[in-house]
Amino acid sequence: MKKILSVCAVAVLLSACAGGGSKPLYYWGSYEKSMYLNMKQEQYDPNEQIAALEKDQAKAASLNLPLPPGFYAYLGMLYDQVGKRQAAHDAFTQEKALFPESEAYMNFLLKKAKGK
């Protein structure tokens, strides 16, 4: 009988831990997949990736979740590739504001985009 009670107690504890009640830290959406495809250079269309990431922005806002570090930097680089200079500038500035540790790299990208 003790064995059954201890097994039940462990099962209850495990189910309580796996309750899924915690909110995720960031909304990742298609960001990781987009980056992966970019790195592999397979099925890589910057305009399609921009559309997917902009959709992710809207979804994150509707869920009241922040986007992960690097999201706006990557989006800015995609904007820059397709010639949307102001959108790239805005995305780099947003990344720098949200993640101050990225300031040096964002300043580099802002300078690079400005020189084009």
PDB file of N, CA and C in Angstrom:
ATOM      1  N   MET A   1       0.821  -1.195   0.000  1.00  0.00           N
ATOM      2  CA  MET A   1       0.000   0.000   0.000  1.00  0.00           C
ATOM      3  C   MET A   1       0.865   1.259   0.000  1.00  0.00           C
ATOM      4  N   LYS A   2       1.979   1.234   0.799  1.00  0.00           N
ATOM      5  CA  LYS A   2       2.883   2.387   0.831  1.00  0.00           C
ATOM      6  C   LYS A   2       3.480   2.654  -0.538  1.00  0.00           C
ATOM      7  N   LYS A   3       3.784   1.563  -1.248  1.00  0.00           N
ATOM      8  CA  LYS A   3       4.387   1.690  -2.566  1.00  0.00           C
ATOM      9  C   LYS A   3       3.421   2.401  -3.527  1.00  0.00           C
ATOM     10  N   ILE A   4       2.159   2.044  -3.467  1.00  0.00           N
ATOM     11  CA  ILE A   4       1.149   2.652  -4.339  1.00  0.00           C
ATOM     12  C   ILE A   4       0.992   4.135  -4.011  1.00  0.00           C
ATOM     13  N   LEU A   5       0.974   4.455  -2.712  1.00  0.00           N
ATOM     14  CA  LEU A   5       0.847   5.853  -2.312  1.00  0.00           C
ATOM     15  C   LEU A   5       2.053   6.673  -2.752  1.00  0.00           C
ATOM     16  N   SER A   6       3.240   6.110  -2.645  1.00  0.00           N
ATOM     17  CA  SER A   6       4.425   6.864  -3.057  1.00  0.00           C
ATOM     18  C   SER A   6       4.451   7.057  -4.570  1.00  0.00           C
ATOM     19  N   VAL A   7       4.015   6.065  -5.322  1.00  0.00           N
ATOM     20  CA  VAL A   7       3.939   6.205  -6.778  1.00  0.00           C
ATOM     21  C   VAL A   7       2.915   7.277  -7.140  1.00  0.00           C
ATOM     22  N   CYS A   8       1.789   7.278  -6.450  1.00  0.00           N
ATOM     23  CA  CYS A   8       0.765   8.300  -6.699  1.00  0.00           C
ATOM     24  C   CYS A   8       1.282   9.691  -6.343  1.00  0.00           C
ATOM     25  N   ALA A   9       2.011   9.788  -5.250  1.00  0.00           N
ATOM     26  CA  ALA A   9       2.560  11.081  -4.834  1.00  0.00           C
ATOM     27  C   ALA A   9       3.547  11.608  -5.874  1.00  0.00           C
ATOM     28  N   VAL A  10       4.401  10.732  -6.389  1.00  0.00           N
ATOM     29  CA  VAL A  10       5.351  11.138  -7.425  1.00  0.00           C
ATOM     30  C   VAL A  10       4.605  11.568  -8.680  1.00  0.00           C
ATOM     31  N   ALA A  11       3.573  10.828  -9.051  1.00  0.00           N
ATOM     32  CA  ALA A  11       2.789  11.169 -10.243  1.00  0.00           C
ATOM     33  C   ALA A  11       2.126  12.534 -10.085  1.00  0.00           C
ATOM     34  N   VAL A  12       1.601  12.820  -8.910  1.00  0.00           N
ATOM     35  CA  VAL A  12       0.964  14.117  -8.662  1.00  0.00           C
ATOM     36  C   VAL A  12       1.994  15.241  -8.739  1.00  0.00           C
ATOM     37  N   LEU A  13       3.143  15.028  -8.133  1.00  0.00           N
ATOM     38  CA  LEU A  13       4.198  16.041  -8.174  1.00  0.00           C
ATOM     39  C   LEU A  13       4.658  16.312  -9.601  1.00  0.00           C
ATOM     40  N   LEU A  14       4.853  15.246 -10.374  1.00  0.00           N
ATOM     41  CA  LEU A  14       5.298  15.418 -11.761  1.00  0.00           C
ATOM     42  C   LEU A  14       4.244  16.120 -12.605  1.00  0.00           C
ATOM     43  N   SER A  15       3.000  15.787 -12.388  1.00  0.00           N
ATOM     44  CA  SER A  15       1.945  16.441 -13.170  1.00  0.00           C
ATOM     45  C   SER A  15       1.827  17.916 -12.785  1.00  0.00           C
ATOM     46  N   ALA A  16       2.080  18.235 -11.539  1.00  0.00           N
ATOM     47  CA  ALA A  16       2.040  19.634 -11.102  1.00  0.00           C
ATOM     48  C   ALA A  16       3.182  20.422 -11.733  1.00  0.00           C
ATOM     49  N   CYS A  17       4.353  19.791 -11.843  1.00  0.00           N
ATOM     50  CA  CYS A  17       5.505  20.464 -12.451  1.00  0.00           C
ATOM     51  C   CYS A  17       5.312  20.669 -13.943  1.00  0.00           C
ATOM     52  N   ALA A  18       4.612  19.762 -14.586  1.00  0.00           N
ATOM     53  CA  ALA A  18       4.420  19.838 -16.032  1.00  0.00           C
ATOM     54  C   ALA A  18       3.109  20.518 -16.386  1.00  0.00           C
ATOM     55  N   GLY A  19       2.573  21.287 -15.478  1.00  0.00           N
ATOM     56  CA  GLY A  19       1.281  21.914 -15.691  1.00  0.00           C
ATOM     57  C   GLY A  19       1.235  22.906 -16.829  1.00  0.00           C
ATOM     58  N   GLY A  20       2.371  23.388 -17.284  1.00  0.00           N
ATOM     59  CA  GLY A  20       2.383  24.314 -18.416  1.00  0.00           C
ATOM     60  C   GLY A  20       1.847  25.685 -18.065  1.00  0.00           C
ATOM     61  N   GLY A  21       1.822  26.014 -16.786  1.00  0.00           N
ATOM     62  CA  GLY A  21       1.272  27.284 -16.370  1.00  0.00           C
ATOM     63  C   GLY A  21       2.205  28.457 -16.585  1.00  0.00           C
ATOM     64  N   SER A  22       3.462  28.199 -16.884  1.00  0.00           N
ATOM     65  CA  SER A  22       4.396  29.311 -17.045  1.00  0.00           C
ATOM     66  C   SER A  22       4.298  29.896 -18.447  1.00  0.00           C
ATOM     67  N   LYS A  23       4.435  31.185 -18.491  1.00  0.00           N
ATOM     68  CA  LYS A  23       4.369  31.925 -19.748  1.00  0.00           C
ATOM     69  C   LYS A  23       5.762  31.921 -20.384  1.00  0.00           C
ATOM     70  N   PRO A  24       5.850  31.707 -21.701  1.00  0.00           N
ATOM     71  CA  PRO A  24       7.171  31.734 -22.331  1.00  0.00           C
ATOM     72  C   PRO A  24       7.793  33.124 -22.238  1.00  0.00           C
ATOM     73  N   LEU A  25       9.109  33.156 -22.228  1.00  0.00           N
ATOM     74  CA  LEU A  25       9.832  34.410 -22.109  1.00  0.00           C
ATOM     75  C   LEU A  25       9.713  35.256 -23.379  1.00  0.00           C
ATOM     76  N   TYR A  26       9.779  34.593 -24.554  1.00  0.00           N
ATOM     77  CA  TYR A  26       9.708  35.282 -25.841  1.00  0.00           C
ATOM     78  C   TYR A  26       8.772  34.540 -26.781  1.00  0.00           C
ATOM     79  N   TYR A  27       8.284  35.268 -27.779  1.00  0.00           N
ATOM     80  CA  TYR A  27       7.544  34.638 -28.871  1.00  0.00           C
ATOM     81  C   TYR A  27       8.518  34.463 -30.024  1.00  0.00           C
ATOM     82  N   TRP A  28       8.829  33.210 -30.370  1.00  0.00           N
ATOM     83  CA  TRP A  28       9.837  32.928 -31.389  1.00  0.00           C
ATOM     84  C   TRP A  28       9.259  32.877 -32.789  1.00  0.00           C
ATOM     85  N   GLY A  29       8.023  32.429 -32.939  1.00  0.00           N
ATOM     86  CA  GLY A  29       7.402  32.369 -34.259  1.00  0.00           C
ATOM     87  C   GLY A  29       8.289  31.657 -35.272  1.00  0.00           C
ATOM     88  N   SER A  30       8.449  32.259 -36.440  1.00  0.00           N
ATOM     89  CA  SER A  30       9.238  31.646 -37.521  1.00  0.00           C
ATOM     90  C   SER A  30      10.679  32.137 -37.536  1.00  0.00           C
ATOM     91  N   TYR A  31      11.075  32.905 -36.524  1.00  0.00           N
ATOM     92  CA  TYR A  31      12.409  33.512 -36.488  1.00  0.00           C
ATOM     93  C   TYR A  31      13.530  32.485 -36.627  1.00  0.00           C
ATOM     94  N   GLU A  32      13.494  31.431 -35.835  1.00  0.00           N
ATOM     95  CA  GLU A  32      14.573  30.434 -35.876  1.00  0.00           C
ATOM     96  C   GLU A  32      14.628  29.722 -37.227  1.00  0.00           C
ATOM     97  N   LYS A  33      13.464  29.357 -37.746  1.00  0.00           N
ATOM     98  CA  LYS A  33      13.420  28.673 -39.046  1.00  0.00           C
ATOM     99  C   LYS A  33      13.929  29.595 -40.147  1.00  0.00           C
ATOM    100  N   SER A  34      13.550  30.842 -40.093  1.00  0.00           N
ATOM    101  CA  SER A  34      13.991  31.813 -41.082  1.00  0.00           C
ATOM    102  C   SER A  34      15.513  31.962 -41.062  1.00  0.00           C
ATOM    103  N   MET A  35      16.061  32.083 -39.865  1.00  0.00           N
ATOM    104  CA  MET A  35      17.516  32.201 -39.730  1.00  0.00           C
ATOM    105  C   MET A  35      18.211  30.946 -40.263  1.00  0.00           C
ATOM    106  N   TYR A  36      17.662  29.792 -39.957  1.00  0.00           N
ATOM    107  CA  TYR A  36      18.245  28.530 -40.403  1.00  0.00           C
ATOM    108  C   TYR A  36      18.262  28.456 -41.925  1.00  0.00           C
ATOM    109  N   LEU A  37      17.137  28.778 -42.552  1.00  0.00           N
ATOM    110  CA  LEU A  37      17.067  28.744 -44.012  1.00  0.00           C
ATOM    111  C   LEU A  37      18.031  29.747 -44.627  1.00  0.00           C
ATOM    112  N   ASN A  38      18.168  30.892 -44.000  1.00  0.00           N
ATOM    113  CA  ASN A  38      19.099  31.905 -44.484  1.00  0.00           C
ATOM    114  C   ASN A  38      20.522  31.381 -44.431  1.00  0.00           C
ATOM    115  N   MET A  39      20.894  30.766 -43.326  1.00  0.00           N
ATOM    116  CA  MET A  39      22.251  30.255 -43.179  1.00  0.00           C
ATOM    117  C   MET A  39      22.549  29.128 -44.173  1.00  0.00           C
ATOM    118  N   LYS A  40      21.548  28.300 -44.424  1.00  0.00           N
ATOM    119  CA  LYS A  40      21.722  27.211 -45.381  1.00  0.00           C
ATOM    120  C   LYS A  40      21.535  27.696 -46.815  1.00  0.00           C
ATOM    121  N   GLN A  41      20.961  28.874 -46.969  1.00  0.00           N
ATOM    122  CA  GLN A  41      20.639  29.475 -48.262  1.00  0.00           C
ATOM    123  C   GLN A  41      19.748  28.554 -49.091  1.00  0.00           C
ATOM    124  N   GLU A  42      18.797  27.940 -48.405  1.00  0.00           N
ATOM    125  CA  GLU A  42      17.781  27.128 -49.073  1.00  0.00           C
ATOM    126  C   GLU A  42      16.445  27.840 -48.917  1.00  0.00           C
ATOM    127  N   GLN A  43      15.664  27.839 -49.972  1.00  0.00           N
ATOM    128  CA  GLN A  43      14.341  28.468 -49.956  1.00  0.00           C
ATOM    129  C   GLN A  43      14.440  29.872 -49.355  1.00  0.00           C
ATOM    130  N   TYR A  44      15.441  30.601 -49.776  1.00  0.00           N
ATOM    131  CA  TYR A  44      15.709  31.901 -49.173  1.00  0.00           C
ATOM    132  C   TYR A  44      15.168  33.015 -50.050  1.00  0.00           C
ATOM    133  N   ASP A  45      14.065  33.582 -49.657  1.00  0.00           N
ATOM    134  CA  ASP A  45      13.500  34.755 -50.324  1.00  0.00           C
ATOM    135  C   ASP A  45      13.311  35.813 -49.241  1.00  0.00           C
ATOM    136  N   PRO A  46      14.124  36.880 -49.271  1.00  0.00           N
ATOM    137  CA  PRO A  46      14.035  37.890 -48.213  1.00  0.00           C
ATOM    138  C   PRO A  46      12.629  38.472 -48.045  1.00  0.00           C
ATOM    139  N   ASN A  47      11.910  38.664 -49.149  1.00  0.00           N
ATOM    140  CA  ASN A  47      10.565  39.242 -49.047  1.00  0.00           C
ATOM    141  C   ASN A  47       9.602  38.304 -48.329  1.00  0.00           C
ATOM    142  N   GLU A  48       9.731  36.999 -48.587  1.00  0.00           N
ATOM    143  CA  GLU A  48       8.877  36.026 -47.887  1.00  0.00           C
ATOM    144  C   GLU A  48       9.226  35.992 -46.403  1.00  0.00           C
ATOM    145  N   GLN A  49      10.524  36.064 -46.109  1.00  0.00           N
ATOM    146  CA  GLN A  49      10.939  36.042 -44.706  1.00  0.00           C
ATOM    147  C   GLN A  49      10.488  37.302 -43.983  1.00  0.00           C
ATOM    148  N   ILE A  50      10.550  38.436 -44.657  1.00  0.00           N
ATOM    149  CA  ILE A  50      10.059  39.685 -44.057  1.00  0.00           C
ATOM    150  C   ILE A  50       8.579  39.554 -43.734  1.00  0.00           C
ATOM    151  N   ALA A  51       7.810  39.033 -44.677  1.00  0.00           N
ATOM    152  CA  ALA A  51       6.368  38.869 -44.450  1.00  0.00           C
ATOM    153  C   ALA A  51       6.095  37.953 -43.256  1.00  0.00           C
ATOM    154  N   ALA A  52       6.852  36.860 -43.161  1.00  0.00           N
ATOM    155  CA  ALA A  52       6.658  35.918 -42.041  1.00  0.00           C
ATOM    156  C   ALA A  52       7.030  36.584 -40.717  1.00  0.00           C
ATOM    157  N   LEU A  53       8.126  37.339 -40.706  1.00  0.00           N
ATOM    158  CA  LEU A  53       8.555  37.985 -39.459  1.00  0.00           C
ATOM    159  C   LEU A  53       7.607  39.116 -39.062  1.00  0.00           C
ATOM    160  N   GLU A  54       7.078  39.832 -40.037  1.00  0.00           N
ATOM    161  CA  GLU A  54       6.092  40.872 -39.714  1.00  0.00           C
ATOM    162  C   GLU A  54       4.822  40.246 -39.143  1.00  0.00           C
ATOM    163  N   LYS A  55       4.461  39.081 -39.664  1.00  0.00           N
ATOM    164  CA  LYS A  55       3.315  38.347 -39.114  1.00  0.00           C
ATOM    165  C   LYS A  55       3.614  37.923 -37.668  1.00  0.00           C
ATOM    166  N   ASP A  56       4.848  37.500 -37.429  1.00  0.00           N
ATOM    167  CA  ASP A  56       5.267  37.131 -36.073  1.00  0.00           C
ATOM    168  C   ASP A  56       5.174  38.324 -35.122  1.00  0.00           C
ATOM    169  N   GLN A  57       5.526  39.509 -35.614  1.00  0.00           N
ATOM    170  CA  GLN A  57       5.425  40.724 -34.788  1.00  0.00           C
ATOM    171  C   GLN A  57       3.984  40.930 -34.327  1.00  0.00           C
ATOM    172  N   ALA A  58       3.053  40.791 -35.261  1.00  0.00           N
ATOM    173  CA  ALA A  58       1.641  40.979 -34.928  1.00  0.00           C
ATOM    174  C   ALA A  58       1.166  39.912 -33.938  1.00  0.00           C
ATOM    175  N   LYS A  59       1.581  38.682 -34.152  1.00  0.00           N
ATOM    176  CA  LYS A  59       1.182  37.584 -33.263  1.00  0.00           C
ATOM    177  C   LYS A  59       1.744  37.802 -31.862  1.00  0.00           C
ATOM    178  N   ALA A  60       3.013  38.200 -31.775  1.00  0.00           N
ATOM    179  CA  ALA A  60       3.624  38.460 -30.466  1.00  0.00           C
ATOM    180  C   ALA A  60       2.889  39.576 -29.737  1.00  0.00           C
ATOM    181  N   ALA A  61       2.523  40.617 -30.472  1.00  0.00           N
ATOM    182  CA  ALA A  61       1.785  41.722 -29.860  1.00  0.00           C
ATOM    183  C   ALA A  61       0.427  41.247 -29.355  1.00  0.00           C
ATOM    184  N   SER A  62      -0.248  40.400 -30.133  1.00  0.00           N
ATOM    185  CA  SER A  62      -1.562  39.915 -29.704  1.00  0.00           C
ATOM    186  C   SER A  62      -1.463  39.013 -28.482  1.00  0.00           C
ATOM    187  N   LEU A  63      -0.334  38.321 -28.320  1.00  0.00           N
ATOM    188  CA  LEU A  63      -0.115  37.463 -27.152  1.00  0.00           C
ATOM    189  C   LEU A  63       0.551  38.207 -26.002  1.00  0.00           C
ATOM    190  N   ASN A  64       0.871  39.462 -26.238  1.00  0.00           N
ATOM    191  CA  ASN A  64       1.560  40.302 -25.254  1.00  0.00           C
ATOM    192  C   ASN A  64       2.881  39.665 -24.816  1.00  0.00           C
ATOM    193  N   LEU A  65       3.626  39.153 -25.816  1.00  0.00           N
ATOM    194  CA  LEU A  65       4.932  38.547 -25.562  1.00  0.00           C
ATOM    195  C   LEU A  65       5.998  39.320 -26.331  1.00  0.00           C
ATOM    196  N   PRO A  66       7.161  39.519 -25.736  1.00  0.00           N
ATOM    197  CA  PRO A  66       8.244  40.192 -26.457  1.00  0.00           C
ATOM    198  C   PRO A  66       8.869  39.252 -27.485  1.00  0.00           C
ATOM    199  N   LEU A  67       9.513  39.835 -28.462  1.00  0.00           N
ATOM    200  CA  LEU A  67      10.251  39.060 -29.449  1.00  0.00           C
ATOM    201  C   LEU A  67      11.668  38.824 -28.935  1.00  0.00           C
ATOM    202  N   PRO A  68      12.319  37.758 -29.386  1.00  0.00           N
ATOM    203  CA  PRO A  68      13.631  37.392 -28.828  1.00  0.00           C
ATOM    204  C   PRO A  68      14.758  38.315 -29.272  1.00  0.00           C
ATOM    205  N   PRO A  69      15.874  38.268 -28.558  1.00  0.00           N
ATOM    206  CA  PRO A  69      17.047  39.036 -28.971  1.00  0.00           C
ATOM    207  C   PRO A  69      17.465  38.633 -30.385  1.00  0.00           C
ATOM    208  N   GLY A  70      17.819  39.613 -31.171  1.00  0.00           N
ATOM    209  CA  GLY A  70      18.253  39.365 -32.534  1.00  0.00           C
ATOM    210  C   GLY A  70      17.150  39.454 -33.564  1.00  0.00           C
ATOM    211  N   PHE A  71      15.902  39.392 -33.133  1.00  0.00           N
ATOM    212  CA  PHE A  71      14.775  39.412 -34.069  1.00  0.00           C
ATOM    213  C   PHE A  71      14.798  40.682 -34.917  1.00  0.00           C
ATOM    214  N   TYR A  72      14.883  41.837 -34.260  1.00  0.00           N
ATOM    215  CA  TYR A  72      14.839  43.093 -35.001  1.00  0.00           C
ATOM    216  C   TYR A  72      16.114  43.317 -35.809  1.00  0.00           C
ATOM    217  N   ALA A  73      17.235  42.827 -35.319  1.00  0.00           N
ATOM    218  CA  ALA A  73      18.487  42.940 -36.074  1.00  0.00           C
ATOM    219  C   ALA A  73      18.381  42.141 -37.371  1.00  0.00           C
ATOM    220  N   TYR A  74      17.862  40.936 -37.275  1.00  0.00           N
ATOM    221  CA  TYR A  74      17.706  40.092 -38.459  1.00  0.00           C
ATOM    222  C   TYR A  74      16.699  40.704 -39.422  1.00  0.00           C
ATOM    223  N   LEU A  75      15.586  41.168 -38.882  1.00  0.00           N
ATOM    224  CA  LEU A  75      14.582  41.808 -39.728  1.00  0.00           C
ATOM    225  C   LEU A  75      15.173  43.035 -40.420  1.00  0.00           C
ATOM    226  N   GLY A  76      15.961  43.804 -39.697  1.00  0.00           N
ATOM    227  CA  GLY A  76      16.612  44.972 -40.279  1.00  0.00           C
ATOM    228  C   GLY A  76      17.557  44.600 -41.404  1.00  0.00           C
ATOM    229  N   MET A  77      18.296  43.508 -41.238  1.00  0.00           N
ATOM    230  CA  MET A  77      19.204  43.071 -42.301  1.00  0.00           C
ATOM    231  C   MET A  77      18.423  42.634 -43.537  1.00  0.00           C
ATOM    232  N   LEU A  78      17.269  41.993 -43.325  1.00  0.00           N
ATOM    233  CA  LEU A  78      16.428  41.614 -44.461  1.00  0.00           C
ATOM    234  C   LEU A  78      15.886  42.864 -45.163  1.00  0.00           C
ATOM    235  N   TYR A  79      15.409  43.820 -44.377  1.00  0.00           N
ATOM    236  CA  TYR A  79      14.933  45.081 -44.967  1.00  0.00           C
ATOM    237  C   TYR A  79      16.036  45.737 -45.791  1.00  0.00           C
ATOM    238  N   ASP A  80      17.239  45.742 -45.256  1.00  0.00           N
ATOM    239  CA  ASP A  80      18.371  46.357 -45.947  1.00  0.00           C
ATOM    240  C   ASP A  80      18.653  45.647 -47.268  1.00  0.00           C
ATOM    241  N   GLN A  81      18.519  44.330 -47.282  1.00  0.00           N
ATOM    242  CA  GLN A  81      18.767  43.549 -48.503  1.00  0.00           C
ATOM    243  C   GLN A  81      17.807  43.915 -49.626  1.00  0.00           C
ATOM    244  N   VAL A  82      16.571  44.228 -49.259  1.00  0.00           N
ATOM    245  CA  VAL A  82      15.575  44.541 -50.299  1.00  0.00           C
ATOM    246  C   VAL A  82      15.434  46.041 -50.541  1.00  0.00           C
ATOM    247  N   GLY A  83      16.306  46.831 -49.917  1.00  0.00           N
ATOM    248  CA  GLY A  83      16.328  48.267 -50.193  1.00  0.00           C
ATOM    249  C   GLY A  83      15.393  49.120 -49.351  1.00  0.00           C
ATOM    250  N   LYS A  84      14.833  48.560 -48.296  1.00  0.00           N
ATOM    251  CA  LYS A  84      13.949  49.330 -47.408  1.00  0.00           C
ATOM    252  C   LYS A  84      14.801  49.942 -46.296  1.00  0.00           C
ATOM    253  N   ARG A  85      15.507  51.026 -46.628  1.00  0.00           N
ATOM    254  CA  ARG A  85      16.505  51.614 -45.735  1.00  0.00           C
ATOM    255  C   ARG A  85      15.905  52.156 -44.433  1.00  0.00           C
ATOM    256  N   GLN A  86      14.784  52.862 -44.531  1.00  0.00           N
ATOM    257  CA  GLN A  86      14.184  53.416 -43.313  1.00  0.00           C
ATOM    258  C   GLN A  86      13.679  52.316 -42.393  1.00  0.00           C
ATOM    259  N   ALA A  87      13.077  51.281 -42.963  1.00  0.00           N
ATOM    260  CA  ALA A  87      12.597  50.154 -42.156  1.00  0.00           C
ATOM    261  C   ALA A  87      13.779  49.440 -41.494  1.00  0.00           C
ATOM    262  N   ALA A  88      14.898  49.324 -42.214  1.00  0.00           N
ATOM    263  CA  ALA A  88      16.098  48.712 -41.641  1.00  0.00           C
ATOM    264  C   ALA A  88      16.609  49.548 -40.479  1.00  0.00           C
ATOM    265  N   HIS A  89      16.678  50.849 -40.682  1.00  0.00           N
ATOM    266  CA  HIS A  89      17.131  51.758 -39.617  1.00  0.00           C
ATOM    267  C   HIS A  89      16.247  51.621 -38.381  1.00  0.00           C
ATOM    268  N   ASP A  90      14.943  51.604 -38.590  1.00  0.00           N
ATOM    269  CA  ASP A  90      13.999  51.490 -37.475  1.00  0.00           C
ATOM    270  C   ASP A  90      14.166  50.164 -36.729  1.00  0.00           C
ATOM    271  N   ALA A  91      14.373  49.081 -37.478  1.00  0.00           N
ATOM    272  CA  ALA A  91      14.535  47.767 -36.848  1.00  0.00           C
ATOM    273  C   ALA A  91      15.834  47.705 -36.038  1.00  0.00           C
ATOM    274  N   PHE A  92      16.918  48.236 -36.591  1.00  0.00           N
ATOM    275  CA  PHE A  92      18.195  48.246 -35.858  1.00  0.00           C
ATOM    276  C   PHE A  92      18.080  49.094 -34.591  1.00  0.00           C
ATOM    277  N   THR A  93      17.400  50.212 -34.700  1.00  0.00           N
ATOM    278  CA  THR A  93      17.205  51.088 -33.543  1.00  0.00           C
ATOM    279  C   THR A  93      16.355  50.398 -32.480  1.00  0.00           C
ATOM    280  N   GLN A  94      15.345  49.661 -32.925  1.00  0.00           N
ATOM    281  CA  GLN A  94      14.482  48.914 -31.993  1.00  0.00           C
ATOM    282  C   GLN A  94      15.275  47.837 -31.259  1.00  0.00           C
ATOM    283  N   GLU A  95      16.119  47.120 -32.004  1.00  0.00           N
ATOM    284  CA  GLU A  95      16.955  46.079 -31.384  1.00  0.00           C
ATOM    285  C   GLU A  95      17.860  46.692 -30.318  1.00  0.00           C
ATOM    286  N   LYS A  96      18.455  47.818 -30.656  1.00  0.00           N
ATOM    287  CA  LYS A  96      19.368  48.490 -29.729  1.00  0.00           C
ATOM    288  C   LYS A  96      18.628  48.962 -28.478  1.00  0.00           C
ATOM    289  N   ALA A  97      17.406  49.435 -28.648  1.00  0.00           N
ATOM    290  CA  ALA A  97      16.627  49.919 -27.505  1.00  0.00           C
ATOM    291  C   ALA A  97      16.203  48.765 -26.590  1.00  0.00           C
ATOM    292  N   LEU A  98      15.809  47.651 -27.182  1.00  0.00           N
ATOM    293  CA  LEU A  98      15.336  46.515 -26.388  1.00  0.00           C
ATOM    294  C   LEU A  98      16.467  45.727 -25.750  1.00  0.00           C
ATOM    295  N   PHE A  99      17.609  45.667 -26.436  1.00  0.00           N
ATOM    296  CA  PHE A  99      18.728  44.869 -25.965  1.00  0.00           C
ATOM    297  C   PHE A  99      19.998  45.720 -26.028  1.00  0.00           C
ATOM    298  N   PRO A 100      20.223  46.541 -24.996  1.00  0.00           N
ATOM    299  CA  PRO A 100      21.355  47.474 -24.998  1.00  0.00           C
ATOM    300  C   PRO A 100      22.715  46.805 -25.223  1.00  0.00           C
ATOM    301  N   GLU A 101      22.830  45.535 -24.904  1.00  0.00           N
ATOM    302  CA  GLU A 101      24.099  44.841 -25.115  1.00  0.00           C
ATOM    303  C   GLU A 101      24.436  44.698 -26.606  1.00  0.00           C
ATOM    304  N   SER A 102      23.445  44.935 -27.462  1.00  0.00           N
ATOM    305  CA  SER A 102      23.674  44.843 -28.904  1.00  0.00           C
ATOM    306  C   SER A 102      24.081  46.189 -29.520  1.00  0.00           C
ATOM    307  N   GLU A 103      24.257  47.201 -28.701  1.00  0.00           N
ATOM    308  CA  GLU A 103      24.476  48.555 -29.206  1.00  0.00           C
ATOM    309  C   GLU A 103      25.654  48.665 -30.174  1.00  0.00           C
ATOM    310  N   ALA A 104      26.787  48.082 -29.850  1.00  0.00           N
ATOM    311  CA  ALA A 104      27.962  48.199 -30.723  1.00  0.00           C
ATOM    312  C   ALA A 104      27.677  47.592 -32.101  1.00  0.00           C
ATOM    313  N   TYR A 105      27.063  46.427 -32.120  1.00  0.00           N
ATOM    314  CA  TYR A 105      26.772  45.776 -33.400  1.00  0.00           C
ATOM    315  C   TYR A 105      25.689  46.538 -34.167  1.00  0.00           C
ATOM    316  N   MET A 106      24.676  47.014 -33.461  1.00  0.00           N
ATOM    317  CA  MET A 106      23.619  47.774 -34.140  1.00  0.00           C
ATOM    318  C   MET A 106      24.173  49.075 -34.709  1.00  0.00           C
ATOM    319  N   ASN A 107      25.070  49.733 -33.984  1.00  0.00           N
ATOM    320  CA  ASN A 107      25.699  50.950 -34.510  1.00  0.00           C
ATOM    321  C   ASN A 107      26.493  50.640 -35.778  1.00  0.00           C
ATOM    322  N   PHE A 108      27.170  49.493 -35.782  1.00  0.00           N
ATOM    323  CA  PHE A 108      27.900  49.060 -36.977  1.00  0.00           C
ATOM    324  C   PHE A 108      26.937  48.863 -38.141  1.00  0.00           C
ATOM    325  N   LEU A 109      25.831  48.163 -37.904  1.00  0.00           N
ATOM    326  CA  LEU A 109      24.849  47.914 -38.974  1.00  0.00           C
ATOM    327  C   LEU A 109      24.185  49.207 -39.435  1.00  0.00           C
ATOM    328  N   LEU A 110      23.915  50.110 -38.495  1.00  0.00           N
ATOM    329  CA  LEU A 110      23.324  51.397 -38.865  1.00  0.00           C
ATOM    330  C   LEU A 110      24.282  52.195 -39.745  1.00  0.00           C
ATOM    331  N   LYS A 111      25.541  52.172 -39.401  1.00  0.00           N
ATOM    332  CA  LYS A 111      26.548  52.892 -40.192  1.00  0.00           C
ATOM    333  C   LYS A 111      26.684  52.272 -41.577  1.00  0.00           C
ATOM    334  N   LYS A 112      26.693  50.954 -41.614  1.00  0.00           N
ATOM    335  CA  LYS A 112      26.811  50.231 -42.884  1.00  0.00           C
ATOM    336  C   LYS A 112      25.605  50.524 -43.784  1.00  0.00           C
ATOM    337  N   ALA A 113      24.407  50.495 -43.199  1.00  0.00           N
ATOM    338  CA  ALA A 113      23.185  50.748 -43.973  1.00  0.00           C
ATOM    339  C   ALA A 113      23.149  52.194 -44.465  1.00  0.00           C
ATOM    340  N   LYS A 114      23.664  53.101 -43.658  1.00  0.00           N
ATOM    341  CA  LYS A 114      23.673  54.507 -44.022  1.00  0.00           C
ATOM    342  C   LYS A 114      24.610  54.779 -45.207  1.00  0.00           C
ATOM    343  N   GLY A 115      25.684  54.004 -45.297  1.00  0.00           N
ATOM    344  CA  GLY A 115      26.663  54.195 -46.347  1.00  0.00           C
ATOM    345  C   GLY A 115      26.213  53.707 -47.712  1.00  0.00           C
ATOM    346  N   LYS A 116      25.119  52.959 -47.767  1.00  0.00           N
ATOM    347  CA  LYS A 116      24.642  52.423 -49.057  1.00  0.00           C
ATOM    348  C   LYS A 116      23.932  53.463 -49.859  1.00  0.00           C
TER     349      LYS A 116
END
